């Protein structure tokens, strides 16, 4: 199997109290070209956690002290965006399914198939890259929106709902020429070359990107 390469800043974080499983999983992922970091407890991972972390998290459900589910809930409180895959025993499947409903990426049962694990990690890393790219785009759109004047925002809102220049002029009580000037400034400040691009950037952007 030839997984897609992860981004340079993406790391697969392994959190499991079973040293043998941690080591075998790290070896599998390292040999497939993924960067890994391993932790023997949820507490140890939480101590090093940073919102700048990129990649995905492979998390054992049951561990002494803080459980995997408790760590997951804590990460949700911190608005973490790392995709989380739970590693479960047969009896833990109902808990893992409940976690899926709360936003976890997936779960895999022990003993797992190596290729299935690699496919799962690859999908998580691909999704994480795409989500991070969208969040960056959303942040850039928000920054550009903040540069608009109040009148430019009013013109933008009417453009988005499909109003023509004359209709905008009538609604705002300004001349068509003034609408054209504001429209041109909106396009310039938003960094777009077409109405379709403007609508796509403003209307379809994600509100936050945090689970």
N, C-alpha and C. Protein backbone atom coordinates (compact mmCIF):
# COMPACT_ATOMS: atom_id res chain seq x y z
N UNK A 1 0.85 -1.20 0.00
CA UNK A 1 0.00 0.00 0.00
C UNK A 1 0.88 1.25 0.00
N UNK A 2 0.48 2.25 -0.79
CA UNK A 2 1.28 3.47 -0.88
C UNK A 2 0.42 4.66 -0.48
N UNK A 3 0.40 5.00 0.82
CA UNK A 3 -0.42 6.12 1.26
C UNK A 3 0.11 7.43 0.74
N UNK A 4 -0.79 8.40 0.61
CA UNK A 4 -0.37 9.73 0.22
C UNK A 4 0.51 10.31 1.31
N UNK A 5 1.55 11.06 0.93
CA UNK A 5 2.42 11.64 1.96
C UNK A 5 1.65 12.66 2.79
N UNK A 6 1.94 12.68 4.08
CA UNK A 6 1.33 13.68 4.94
C UNK A 6 2.04 15.01 4.74
N UNK A 7 1.36 16.09 5.12
CA UNK A 7 2.00 17.40 5.06
C UNK A 7 3.16 17.43 6.05
N UNK A 8 4.18 18.25 5.79
CA UNK A 8 5.35 18.26 6.67
C UNK A 8 5.03 18.52 8.14
N UNK A 9 3.96 19.27 8.39
CA UNK A 9 3.64 19.61 9.78
C UNK A 9 2.63 18.65 10.40
N UNK A 10 2.22 17.64 9.67
CA UNK A 10 1.23 16.71 10.20
C UNK A 10 1.90 15.57 10.96
N UNK A 11 1.38 15.29 12.14
CA UNK A 11 1.90 14.22 12.99
C UNK A 11 0.75 13.33 13.41
N UNK A 12 0.98 12.03 13.43
CA UNK A 12 0.00 11.09 13.96
C UNK A 12 0.35 10.88 15.44
N UNK A 13 -0.52 11.34 16.32
CA UNK A 13 -0.31 11.22 17.76
C UNK A 13 -0.95 9.93 18.25
N UNK A 14 -0.19 9.12 18.97
CA UNK A 14 -0.66 7.84 19.48
C UNK A 14 -0.74 7.93 21.00
N UNK A 15 -1.92 7.71 21.54
CA UNK A 15 -2.09 7.75 23.00
C UNK A 15 -2.67 6.41 23.45
N UNK A 16 -1.84 5.60 24.11
CA UNK A 16 -2.25 4.26 24.56
C UNK A 16 -1.33 3.83 25.69
N UNK A 17 -1.89 3.24 26.73
CA UNK A 17 -1.08 2.80 27.86
C UNK A 17 -0.38 1.47 27.61
N UNK A 18 -0.71 0.79 26.51
CA UNK A 18 -0.10 -0.48 26.15
C UNK A 18 1.18 -0.20 25.34
N UNK A 19 2.34 -0.41 25.98
CA UNK A 19 3.61 -0.08 25.34
C UNK A 19 3.83 -0.87 24.05
N UNK A 20 3.48 -2.15 24.07
CA UNK A 20 3.67 -2.98 22.87
C UNK A 20 2.83 -2.47 21.71
N UNK A 21 1.59 -2.10 21.99
CA UNK A 21 0.74 -1.60 20.92
C UNK A 21 1.25 -0.25 20.41
N UNK A 22 1.66 0.61 21.34
CA UNK A 22 2.21 1.92 20.93
C UNK A 22 3.39 1.73 20.00
N UNK A 23 4.30 0.85 20.39
CA UNK A 23 5.52 0.64 19.60
C UNK A 23 5.21 0.04 18.24
N UNK A 24 4.31 -0.94 18.19
CA UNK A 24 4.00 -1.58 16.91
C UNK A 24 3.26 -0.62 15.98
N UNK A 25 2.39 0.19 16.57
CA UNK A 25 1.64 1.16 15.77
C UNK A 25 2.57 2.25 15.25
N UNK A 26 3.48 2.72 16.09
CA UNK A 26 4.44 3.73 15.65
C UNK A 26 5.33 3.17 14.55
N UNK A 27 5.75 1.91 14.69
CA UNK A 27 6.59 1.29 13.66
C UNK A 27 5.84 1.20 12.34
N UNK A 28 4.58 0.77 12.40
CA UNK A 28 3.77 0.65 11.18
C UNK A 28 3.66 2.00 10.48
N UNK A 29 3.35 3.03 11.23
CA UNK A 29 3.14 4.35 10.64
C UNK A 29 4.45 4.96 10.16
N UNK A 30 5.49 4.81 10.97
CA UNK A 30 6.80 5.33 10.57
C UNK A 30 7.27 4.68 9.27
N UNK A 31 7.06 3.37 9.16
CA UNK A 31 7.51 2.64 7.96
C UNK A 31 6.71 3.05 6.73
N UNK A 32 5.49 3.57 6.96
CA UNK A 32 4.67 4.05 5.84
C UNK A 32 4.94 5.52 5.51
N UNK A 33 5.86 6.13 6.23
CA UNK A 33 6.25 7.50 5.92
C UNK A 33 5.57 8.58 6.74
N UNK A 34 4.83 8.18 7.78
CA UNK A 34 4.15 9.17 8.62
C UNK A 34 5.02 9.52 9.83
N UNK A 35 4.96 10.77 10.22
CA UNK A 35 5.62 11.19 11.45
C UNK A 35 4.71 10.86 12.63
N UNK A 36 5.28 10.35 13.71
CA UNK A 36 4.47 9.95 14.86
C UNK A 36 5.05 10.49 16.16
N UNK A 37 4.18 10.63 17.15
CA UNK A 37 4.59 10.91 18.53
C UNK A 37 3.71 10.07 19.43
N UNK A 38 4.31 9.40 20.41
CA UNK A 38 3.57 8.48 21.26
C UNK A 38 3.50 8.97 22.70
N UNK A 39 2.39 8.65 23.36
CA UNK A 39 2.16 9.04 24.76
C UNK A 39 1.55 7.85 25.49
N UNK A 40 1.98 7.64 26.75
CA UNK A 40 1.48 6.49 27.49
C UNK A 40 0.25 6.80 28.33
N UNK A 41 -0.22 8.03 28.26
CA UNK A 41 -1.43 8.39 29.02
C UNK A 41 -2.09 9.60 28.41
N UNK A 42 -3.37 9.75 28.71
CA UNK A 42 -4.11 10.93 28.25
C UNK A 42 -3.53 12.19 28.87
N UNK A 43 -3.14 12.08 30.15
CA UNK A 43 -2.59 13.24 30.85
C UNK A 43 -1.31 13.73 30.18
N UNK A 44 -0.45 12.77 29.75
CA UNK A 44 0.82 13.15 29.12
C UNK A 44 0.56 13.89 27.81
N UNK A 45 -0.42 13.42 27.04
CA UNK A 45 -0.73 14.12 25.79
C UNK A 45 -1.29 15.50 26.07
N UNK A 46 -2.18 15.58 27.05
CA UNK A 46 -2.82 16.85 27.35
C UNK A 46 -1.80 17.90 27.78
N UNK A 47 -0.75 17.48 28.46
CA UNK A 47 0.29 18.41 28.90
C UNK A 47 1.02 19.05 27.73
N UNK A 48 1.11 18.33 26.62
CA UNK A 48 1.84 18.86 25.46
C UNK A 48 0.90 19.41 24.39
N UNK A 49 -0.40 19.25 24.59
CA UNK A 49 -1.35 19.67 23.56
C UNK A 49 -1.24 21.16 23.26
N UNK A 50 -1.32 21.48 21.98
CA UNK A 50 -1.35 22.86 21.51
C UNK A 50 -2.35 22.95 20.38
N UNK A 51 -3.04 24.08 20.30
CA UNK A 51 -4.03 24.25 19.23
C UNK A 51 -3.38 24.30 17.86
N UNK A 52 -2.06 24.46 17.82
CA UNK A 52 -1.35 24.49 16.53
C UNK A 52 -1.05 23.09 16.01
N UNK A 53 -1.33 22.06 16.80
CA UNK A 53 -1.06 20.69 16.35
C UNK A 53 -1.85 20.37 15.09
N UNK A 54 -1.19 19.69 14.16
CA UNK A 54 -1.84 19.27 12.92
C UNK A 54 -1.60 17.78 12.73
N UNK A 55 -2.56 17.10 12.15
CA UNK A 55 -2.43 15.67 11.92
C UNK A 55 -3.67 14.96 12.39
N UNK A 56 -3.50 13.90 13.18
CA UNK A 56 -4.64 13.19 13.76
C UNK A 56 -4.22 12.50 15.05
N UNK A 57 -5.20 12.03 15.81
CA UNK A 57 -4.96 11.44 17.11
C UNK A 57 -5.55 10.04 17.14
N UNK A 58 -4.71 9.05 17.42
CA UNK A 58 -5.15 7.66 17.62
C UNK A 58 -5.22 7.45 19.13
N UNK A 59 -6.41 7.20 19.64
CA UNK A 59 -6.66 7.28 21.07
C UNK A 59 -7.34 6.02 21.60
N UNK A 60 -6.68 5.39 22.58
CA UNK A 60 -7.27 4.22 23.22
C UNK A 60 -8.45 4.66 24.09
N UNK A 61 -9.53 3.89 24.03
CA UNK A 61 -10.71 4.24 24.81
C UNK A 61 -10.46 4.09 26.31
N UNK A 62 -9.92 2.93 26.70
CA UNK A 62 -9.74 2.64 28.13
C UNK A 62 -8.28 2.77 28.53
N UNK A 63 -8.01 3.65 29.50
CA UNK A 63 -6.66 3.81 30.04
C UNK A 63 -6.78 4.14 31.52
N UNK A 64 -5.76 3.78 32.31
CA UNK A 64 -5.78 4.18 33.72
C UNK A 64 -5.79 5.71 33.84
N UNK A 65 -6.36 6.22 34.90
CA UNK A 65 -6.44 7.67 35.05
C UNK A 65 -7.48 8.23 34.12
N UNK A 66 -7.12 9.27 33.38
CA UNK A 66 -8.03 9.87 32.42
C UNK A 66 -8.24 8.91 31.25
N UNK A 67 -9.49 8.59 30.96
CA UNK A 67 -9.78 7.68 29.84
C UNK A 67 -9.69 8.42 28.51
N UNK A 68 -9.69 7.62 27.44
CA UNK A 68 -9.67 8.24 26.13
C UNK A 68 -10.89 9.10 25.88
N UNK A 69 -12.04 8.64 26.35
CA UNK A 69 -13.27 9.43 26.18
C UNK A 69 -13.20 10.74 26.95
N UNK A 70 -12.63 10.68 28.16
CA UNK A 70 -12.49 11.91 28.95
C UNK A 70 -11.54 12.89 28.28
N UNK A 71 -10.45 12.37 27.70
CA UNK A 71 -9.53 13.24 26.97
C UNK A 71 -10.23 13.85 25.76
N UNK A 72 -11.02 13.05 25.07
CA UNK A 72 -11.74 13.55 23.91
C UNK A 72 -12.67 14.70 24.30
N UNK A 73 -13.40 14.54 25.40
CA UNK A 73 -14.31 15.59 25.85
C UNK A 73 -13.53 16.84 26.24
N UNK A 74 -12.36 16.65 26.85
CA UNK A 74 -11.53 17.81 27.21
C UNK A 74 -11.05 18.54 25.96
N UNK A 75 -10.66 17.79 24.95
CA UNK A 75 -10.21 18.40 23.70
C UNK A 75 -11.36 19.14 23.01
N UNK A 76 -12.56 18.61 23.11
CA UNK A 76 -13.73 19.32 22.57
C UNK A 76 -13.92 20.65 23.28
N UNK A 77 -13.73 20.65 24.59
CA UNK A 77 -13.85 21.90 25.35
C UNK A 77 -12.80 22.92 24.90
N UNK A 78 -11.64 22.42 24.48
CA UNK A 78 -10.55 23.29 24.02
C UNK A 78 -10.69 23.64 22.54
N UNK A 79 -11.80 23.19 21.92
CA UNK A 79 -12.06 23.45 20.50
C UNK A 79 -10.96 22.88 19.60
N UNK A 80 -10.44 21.71 20.00
CA UNK A 80 -9.41 21.06 19.20
C UNK A 80 -9.99 20.63 17.86
N UNK A 81 -9.16 20.69 16.82
CA UNK A 81 -9.61 20.32 15.48
C UNK A 81 -8.93 19.06 14.97
N UNK A 82 -8.10 18.41 15.78
CA UNK A 82 -7.47 17.16 15.36
C UNK A 82 -8.53 16.08 15.18
N UNK A 83 -8.55 15.39 14.04
CA UNK A 83 -9.44 14.23 13.92
C UNK A 83 -9.02 13.17 14.93
N UNK A 84 -9.99 12.56 15.60
CA UNK A 84 -9.70 11.55 16.62
C UNK A 84 -10.25 10.20 16.19
N UNK A 85 -9.37 9.20 16.18
CA UNK A 85 -9.76 7.82 15.90
C UNK A 85 -9.59 7.02 17.19
N UNK A 86 -10.66 6.42 17.66
CA UNK A 86 -10.59 5.63 18.88
C UNK A 86 -10.15 4.21 18.56
N UNK A 87 -9.22 3.70 19.37
CA UNK A 87 -8.79 2.30 19.31
C UNK A 87 -9.55 1.57 20.41
N UNK A 88 -10.34 0.57 20.04
CA UNK A 88 -11.25 -0.03 21.00
C UNK A 88 -11.09 -1.54 21.10
N UNK A 89 -11.47 -2.07 22.25
CA UNK A 89 -11.71 -3.48 22.38
C UNK A 89 -13.17 -3.73 22.03
N UNK A 90 -13.53 -5.00 21.87
CA UNK A 90 -14.89 -5.32 21.45
C UNK A 90 -15.95 -4.70 22.36
N UNK A 91 -15.70 -4.74 23.66
CA UNK A 91 -16.69 -4.24 24.61
C UNK A 91 -16.82 -2.73 24.62
N UNK A 92 -15.87 -2.03 23.95
CA UNK A 92 -15.89 -0.57 23.97
C UNK A 92 -16.59 0.03 22.75
N UNK A 93 -17.07 -0.82 21.86
CA UNK A 93 -17.66 -0.31 20.62
C UNK A 93 -18.84 0.64 20.87
N UNK A 94 -19.76 0.33 21.79
CA UNK A 94 -20.87 1.27 22.03
C UNK A 94 -20.38 2.65 22.44
N UNK A 95 -19.34 2.71 23.27
CA UNK A 95 -18.80 4.01 23.68
C UNK A 95 -18.19 4.73 22.48
N UNK A 96 -17.50 3.98 21.63
CA UNK A 96 -16.89 4.59 20.45
C UNK A 96 -17.95 5.13 19.50
N UNK A 97 -19.04 4.39 19.34
CA UNK A 97 -20.13 4.85 18.48
C UNK A 97 -20.73 6.15 19.03
N UNK A 98 -20.86 6.20 20.37
CA UNK A 98 -21.37 7.43 20.99
C UNK A 98 -20.43 8.60 20.72
N UNK A 99 -19.12 8.33 20.74
CA UNK A 99 -18.13 9.39 20.46
C UNK A 99 -18.23 9.85 19.01
N UNK A 100 -18.53 8.92 18.09
CA UNK A 100 -18.70 9.30 16.69
C UNK A 100 -19.83 10.31 16.55
N UNK A 101 -20.89 10.09 17.29
CA UNK A 101 -22.03 10.99 17.24
C UNK A 101 -21.68 12.37 17.78
N UNK A 102 -20.61 12.44 18.58
CA UNK A 102 -20.17 13.72 19.14
C UNK A 102 -19.00 14.31 18.37
N UNK A 103 -18.72 13.74 17.18
CA UNK A 103 -17.74 14.36 16.31
C UNK A 103 -16.43 13.64 16.10
N UNK A 104 -16.21 12.49 16.75
CA UNK A 104 -14.98 11.74 16.51
C UNK A 104 -14.95 11.29 15.05
N UNK A 105 -13.74 11.10 14.52
CA UNK A 105 -13.61 10.77 13.10
C UNK A 105 -14.01 9.33 12.81
N UNK A 106 -13.57 8.40 13.67
CA UNK A 106 -13.85 6.98 13.42
C UNK A 106 -13.36 6.18 14.62
N UNK A 107 -13.56 4.86 14.55
CA UNK A 107 -12.94 3.97 15.54
C UNK A 107 -12.51 2.69 14.84
N UNK A 108 -11.55 1.99 15.43
CA UNK A 108 -11.06 0.74 14.87
C UNK A 108 -10.86 -0.24 16.01
N UNK A 109 -11.28 -1.47 15.81
CA UNK A 109 -11.21 -2.47 16.87
C UNK A 109 -9.86 -3.19 16.88
N UNK A 110 -9.40 -3.52 18.08
CA UNK A 110 -8.23 -4.38 18.25
C UNK A 110 -8.67 -5.84 18.20
N UNK A 111 -7.88 -6.73 17.57
CA UNK A 111 -6.66 -6.44 16.78
C UNK A 111 -7.06 -5.91 15.40
N UNK A 112 -6.38 -4.88 14.93
CA UNK A 112 -6.77 -4.27 13.67
C UNK A 112 -5.83 -4.71 12.53
N UNK A 113 -6.36 -4.62 11.34
CA UNK A 113 -5.60 -4.90 10.14
C UNK A 113 -4.71 -3.70 9.80
N UNK A 114 -3.44 -3.97 9.50
CA UNK A 114 -2.49 -2.88 9.25
C UNK A 114 -2.94 -1.98 8.10
N UNK A 115 -3.39 -2.58 7.02
CA UNK A 115 -3.79 -1.78 5.87
C UNK A 115 -5.03 -0.96 6.17
N UNK A 116 -5.93 -1.52 6.97
CA UNK A 116 -7.12 -0.76 7.36
C UNK A 116 -6.72 0.44 8.20
N UNK A 117 -5.75 0.26 9.09
CA UNK A 117 -5.28 1.38 9.91
C UNK A 117 -4.63 2.44 9.04
N UNK A 118 -3.80 2.04 8.09
CA UNK A 118 -3.13 3.01 7.22
C UNK A 118 -4.14 3.78 6.37
N UNK A 119 -5.16 3.09 5.88
CA UNK A 119 -6.19 3.78 5.09
C UNK A 119 -6.94 4.80 5.95
N UNK A 120 -7.21 4.40 7.19
CA UNK A 120 -7.94 5.28 8.09
C UNK A 120 -7.11 6.53 8.42
N UNK A 121 -5.83 6.33 8.71
CA UNK A 121 -4.94 7.46 9.01
C UNK A 121 -4.82 8.38 7.80
N UNK A 122 -4.66 7.77 6.62
CA UNK A 122 -4.54 8.58 5.40
C UNK A 122 -5.76 9.45 5.19
N UNK A 123 -6.96 8.87 5.39
CA UNK A 123 -8.19 9.63 5.21
C UNK A 123 -8.29 10.77 6.22
N UNK A 124 -7.92 10.48 7.48
CA UNK A 124 -7.97 11.51 8.52
C UNK A 124 -7.03 12.67 8.20
N UNK A 125 -5.82 12.35 7.74
CA UNK A 125 -4.86 13.40 7.43
C UNK A 125 -5.31 14.22 6.22
N UNK A 126 -5.89 13.55 5.24
CA UNK A 126 -6.42 14.27 4.07
C UNK A 126 -7.52 15.23 4.49
N UNK A 127 -8.45 14.72 5.31
CA UNK A 127 -9.56 15.56 5.78
C UNK A 127 -9.04 16.73 6.60
N UNK A 128 -8.04 16.46 7.45
CA UNK A 128 -7.51 17.52 8.31
C UNK A 128 -6.85 18.61 7.48
N UNK A 129 -6.12 18.22 6.44
CA UNK A 129 -5.49 19.21 5.56
C UNK A 129 -6.56 20.07 4.89
N UNK A 130 -7.62 19.43 4.40
CA UNK A 130 -8.67 20.16 3.72
C UNK A 130 -9.40 21.11 4.67
N UNK A 131 -9.70 20.63 5.88
CA UNK A 131 -10.38 21.48 6.86
C UNK A 131 -9.51 22.67 7.26
N UNK A 132 -8.21 22.40 7.41
CA UNK A 132 -7.30 23.49 7.80
C UNK A 132 -7.22 24.53 6.68
N UNK A 133 -7.20 24.06 5.44
CA UNK A 133 -7.16 24.98 4.31
C UNK A 133 -8.42 25.84 4.27
N UNK A 134 -9.57 25.22 4.54
CA UNK A 134 -10.82 25.99 4.55
C UNK A 134 -10.83 27.01 5.68
N UNK A 135 -10.30 26.60 6.84
CA UNK A 135 -10.26 27.55 7.96
C UNK A 135 -9.38 28.76 7.62
N UNK A 136 -8.26 28.50 6.94
CA UNK A 136 -7.40 29.62 6.53
C UNK A 136 -8.13 30.53 5.54
N UNK A 137 -8.85 29.90 4.61
CA UNK A 137 -9.60 30.69 3.64
C UNK A 137 -10.70 31.50 4.32
N UNK A 138 -11.37 30.88 5.29
CA UNK A 138 -12.43 31.58 6.03
C UNK A 138 -11.86 32.78 6.78
N UNK A 139 -10.69 32.58 7.39
CA UNK A 139 -10.06 33.66 8.15
C UNK A 139 -9.68 34.82 7.22
N UNK A 140 -9.23 34.48 6.01
CA UNK A 140 -8.86 35.52 5.05
C UNK A 140 -10.09 36.27 4.57
N UNK A 141 -11.19 35.55 4.32
CA UNK A 141 -12.43 36.21 3.91
C UNK A 141 -12.92 37.13 5.02
N UNK A 142 -12.87 36.66 6.27
CA UNK A 142 -13.30 37.48 7.40
C UNK A 142 -12.44 38.74 7.52
N UNK A 143 -11.13 38.59 7.30
CA UNK A 143 -10.22 39.75 7.36
C UNK A 143 -10.59 40.77 6.29
N UNK A 144 -10.88 40.28 5.10
CA UNK A 144 -11.24 41.19 4.01
C UNK A 144 -12.59 41.86 4.26
N UNK A 145 -13.54 41.12 4.82
CA UNK A 145 -14.84 41.70 5.14
C UNK A 145 -14.71 42.83 6.15
N UNK A 146 -13.78 42.66 7.08
CA UNK A 146 -13.58 43.69 8.09
C UNK A 146 -13.06 45.00 7.49
N UNK A 147 -12.49 44.93 6.29
CA UNK A 147 -11.95 46.13 5.65
C UNK A 147 -13.03 46.95 4.93
N UNK A 148 -14.21 46.37 4.76
CA UNK A 148 -15.28 47.07 4.06
C UNK A 148 -15.90 48.15 4.94
N UNK A 149 -16.28 49.25 4.31
CA UNK A 149 -17.00 50.30 5.03
C UNK A 149 -18.45 49.83 5.22
N UNK A 150 -19.20 50.55 6.04
CA UNK A 150 -20.60 50.19 6.28
C UNK A 150 -21.40 50.21 4.97
N UNK A 151 -21.17 51.22 4.15
CA UNK A 151 -21.90 51.32 2.88
C UNK A 151 -21.50 50.18 1.94
N UNK A 152 -20.22 49.85 1.92
CA UNK A 152 -19.77 48.74 1.08
C UNK A 152 -20.39 47.42 1.53
N UNK A 153 -20.56 47.26 2.84
CA UNK A 153 -21.21 46.05 3.35
C UNK A 153 -22.67 46.00 2.90
N UNK A 154 -23.33 47.14 2.95
CA UNK A 154 -24.74 47.19 2.51
C UNK A 154 -24.86 46.83 1.04
N UNK A 155 -23.94 47.36 0.22
CA UNK A 155 -23.94 47.03 -1.20
C UNK A 155 -23.66 45.54 -1.40
N UNK A 156 -22.70 45.02 -0.64
CA UNK A 156 -22.35 43.60 -0.75
C UNK A 156 -23.55 42.71 -0.43
N UNK A 157 -24.26 43.03 0.64
CA UNK A 157 -25.42 42.23 1.04
C UNK A 157 -26.47 42.18 -0.07
N UNK A 158 -26.66 43.29 -0.74
CA UNK A 158 -27.65 43.35 -1.83
C UNK A 158 -27.15 42.64 -3.08
N UNK A 159 -25.84 42.71 -3.32
CA UNK A 159 -25.26 41.97 -4.45
C UNK A 159 -25.47 40.48 -4.24
N UNK A 160 -25.22 40.03 -3.00
CA UNK A 160 -25.29 38.61 -2.69
C UNK A 160 -26.69 38.04 -2.91
N UNK A 161 -27.71 38.84 -2.65
CA UNK A 161 -29.09 38.34 -2.84
C UNK A 161 -29.58 38.56 -4.27
N UNK A 162 -28.68 39.00 -5.15
CA UNK A 162 -29.02 39.06 -6.57
C UNK A 162 -29.59 40.37 -7.08
N UNK A 163 -29.48 41.45 -6.29
CA UNK A 163 -30.01 42.74 -6.74
C UNK A 163 -29.13 43.35 -7.83
N UNK A 164 -29.77 43.97 -8.81
CA UNK A 164 -29.05 44.69 -9.86
C UNK A 164 -28.65 46.06 -9.35
N UNK A 165 -27.74 46.72 -10.08
CA UNK A 165 -27.24 48.03 -9.65
C UNK A 165 -28.37 49.03 -9.44
N UNK A 166 -29.34 49.06 -10.36
CA UNK A 166 -30.45 50.00 -10.23
C UNK A 166 -31.28 49.71 -8.98
N UNK A 167 -31.51 48.43 -8.71
CA UNK A 167 -32.27 48.05 -7.51
C UNK A 167 -31.51 48.42 -6.24
N UNK A 168 -30.20 48.24 -6.27
CA UNK A 168 -29.37 48.61 -5.11
C UNK A 168 -29.43 50.12 -4.90
N UNK A 169 -29.34 50.84 -5.99
CA UNK A 169 -29.39 52.31 -5.91
C UNK A 169 -30.72 52.77 -5.32
N UNK A 170 -31.81 52.18 -5.77
CA UNK A 170 -33.14 52.55 -5.25
C UNK A 170 -33.27 52.19 -3.78
N UNK A 171 -32.78 51.01 -3.41
CA UNK A 171 -32.89 50.56 -2.01
C UNK A 171 -32.11 51.46 -1.08
N UNK A 172 -30.90 51.86 -1.49
CA UNK A 172 -30.02 52.63 -0.61
C UNK A 172 -30.18 54.14 -0.82
N UNK A 173 -30.94 54.54 -1.82
CA UNK A 173 -31.14 55.96 -2.06
C UNK A 173 -29.90 56.67 -2.57
N UNK A 174 -29.13 55.97 -3.41
CA UNK A 174 -27.91 56.55 -3.98
C UNK A 174 -27.96 56.35 -5.50
N UNK A 175 -27.03 56.98 -6.20
CA UNK A 175 -27.03 56.90 -7.65
C UNK A 175 -26.43 55.57 -8.12
N UNK A 176 -26.79 55.20 -9.37
CA UNK A 176 -26.24 53.98 -9.94
C UNK A 176 -24.72 54.10 -10.05
N UNK A 177 -24.23 55.28 -10.38
CA UNK A 177 -22.78 55.49 -10.49
C UNK A 177 -22.10 55.22 -9.15
N UNK A 178 -22.73 55.69 -8.07
CA UNK A 178 -22.16 55.46 -6.74
C UNK A 178 -22.16 53.97 -6.42
N UNK A 179 -23.22 53.28 -6.80
CA UNK A 179 -23.28 51.82 -6.59
C UNK A 179 -22.13 51.14 -7.34
N UNK A 180 -21.91 51.58 -8.58
CA UNK A 180 -20.83 50.99 -9.38
C UNK A 180 -19.47 51.19 -8.72
N UNK A 181 -19.27 52.38 -8.12
CA UNK A 181 -18.00 52.65 -7.43
C UNK A 181 -17.85 51.73 -6.21
N UNK A 182 -18.93 51.64 -5.43
CA UNK A 182 -18.88 50.78 -4.24
C UNK A 182 -18.68 49.31 -4.64
N UNK A 183 -19.35 48.92 -5.69
CA UNK A 183 -19.24 47.53 -6.15
C UNK A 183 -17.80 47.21 -6.56
N UNK A 184 -17.18 48.12 -7.26
CA UNK A 184 -15.80 47.92 -7.69
C UNK A 184 -14.86 47.83 -6.49
N UNK A 185 -15.11 48.67 -5.47
CA UNK A 185 -14.28 48.64 -4.27
C UNK A 185 -14.47 47.33 -3.49
N UNK A 186 -15.72 46.86 -3.45
CA UNK A 186 -15.99 45.59 -2.78
C UNK A 186 -15.22 44.45 -3.47
N UNK A 187 -15.29 44.40 -4.79
CA UNK A 187 -14.60 43.36 -5.54
C UNK A 187 -13.09 43.43 -5.30
N UNK A 188 -12.56 44.66 -5.28
CA UNK A 188 -11.12 44.84 -5.07
C UNK A 188 -10.71 44.41 -3.66
N UNK A 189 -11.44 44.87 -2.65
CA UNK A 189 -11.09 44.55 -1.27
C UNK A 189 -11.27 43.06 -0.96
N UNK A 190 -12.24 42.43 -1.61
CA UNK A 190 -12.46 41.00 -1.39
C UNK A 190 -11.51 40.14 -2.22
N UNK A 191 -10.77 40.78 -3.12
CA UNK A 191 -9.78 40.05 -3.91
C UNK A 191 -10.39 39.08 -4.90
N UNK A 192 -11.53 39.45 -5.50
CA UNK A 192 -12.20 38.56 -6.44
C UNK A 192 -12.33 39.24 -7.80
N UNK A 193 -12.48 38.40 -8.84
CA UNK A 193 -12.55 38.94 -10.20
C UNK A 193 -13.94 38.79 -10.81
N UNK A 194 -14.83 38.06 -10.12
CA UNK A 194 -16.16 37.84 -10.69
C UNK A 194 -17.20 37.79 -9.57
N UNK A 195 -18.45 37.98 -9.98
CA UNK A 195 -19.55 37.90 -9.03
C UNK A 195 -19.66 36.48 -8.46
N UNK A 196 -19.45 35.48 -9.32
CA UNK A 196 -19.53 34.09 -8.86
C UNK A 196 -18.50 33.82 -7.76
N UNK A 197 -17.29 34.34 -7.94
CA UNK A 197 -16.23 34.14 -6.95
C UNK A 197 -16.57 34.86 -5.64
N UNK A 198 -17.16 36.05 -5.78
CA UNK A 198 -17.56 36.81 -4.60
C UNK A 198 -18.60 36.04 -3.79
N UNK A 199 -19.62 35.54 -4.48
CA UNK A 199 -20.68 34.79 -3.80
C UNK A 199 -20.13 33.53 -3.16
N UNK A 200 -19.27 32.83 -3.87
CA UNK A 200 -18.68 31.59 -3.34
C UNK A 200 -17.88 31.87 -2.07
N UNK A 201 -17.08 32.93 -2.09
CA UNK A 201 -16.24 33.24 -0.93
C UNK A 201 -17.06 33.64 0.29
N UNK A 202 -18.10 34.44 0.07
CA UNK A 202 -18.84 35.01 1.19
C UNK A 202 -19.94 34.08 1.69
N UNK A 203 -20.68 33.47 0.76
CA UNK A 203 -21.84 32.69 1.15
C UNK A 203 -21.48 31.29 1.62
N UNK A 204 -20.50 30.66 0.98
CA UNK A 204 -20.21 29.26 1.28
C UNK A 204 -19.11 29.07 2.31
N UNK A 205 -18.53 30.14 2.82
CA UNK A 205 -17.45 29.97 3.78
C UNK A 205 -17.96 29.36 5.07
N UNK A 206 -17.14 28.54 5.73
CA UNK A 206 -17.51 27.92 7.00
C UNK A 206 -17.51 28.96 8.10
N UNK A 207 -18.44 28.90 9.03
CA UNK A 207 -18.49 29.88 10.11
C UNK A 207 -17.37 29.75 11.12
N UNK A 208 -16.83 28.54 11.30
CA UNK A 208 -15.80 28.43 12.34
C UNK A 208 -14.82 27.30 12.12
N UNK A 209 -15.25 26.14 11.62
CA UNK A 209 -14.36 25.03 11.40
C UNK A 209 -13.95 24.27 12.63
N UNK A 210 -14.60 24.47 13.79
CA UNK A 210 -14.26 23.81 15.04
C UNK A 210 -15.36 22.86 15.39
N UNK A 211 -15.02 21.69 15.71
CA UNK A 211 -16.05 20.72 16.08
C UNK A 211 -16.57 21.02 17.47
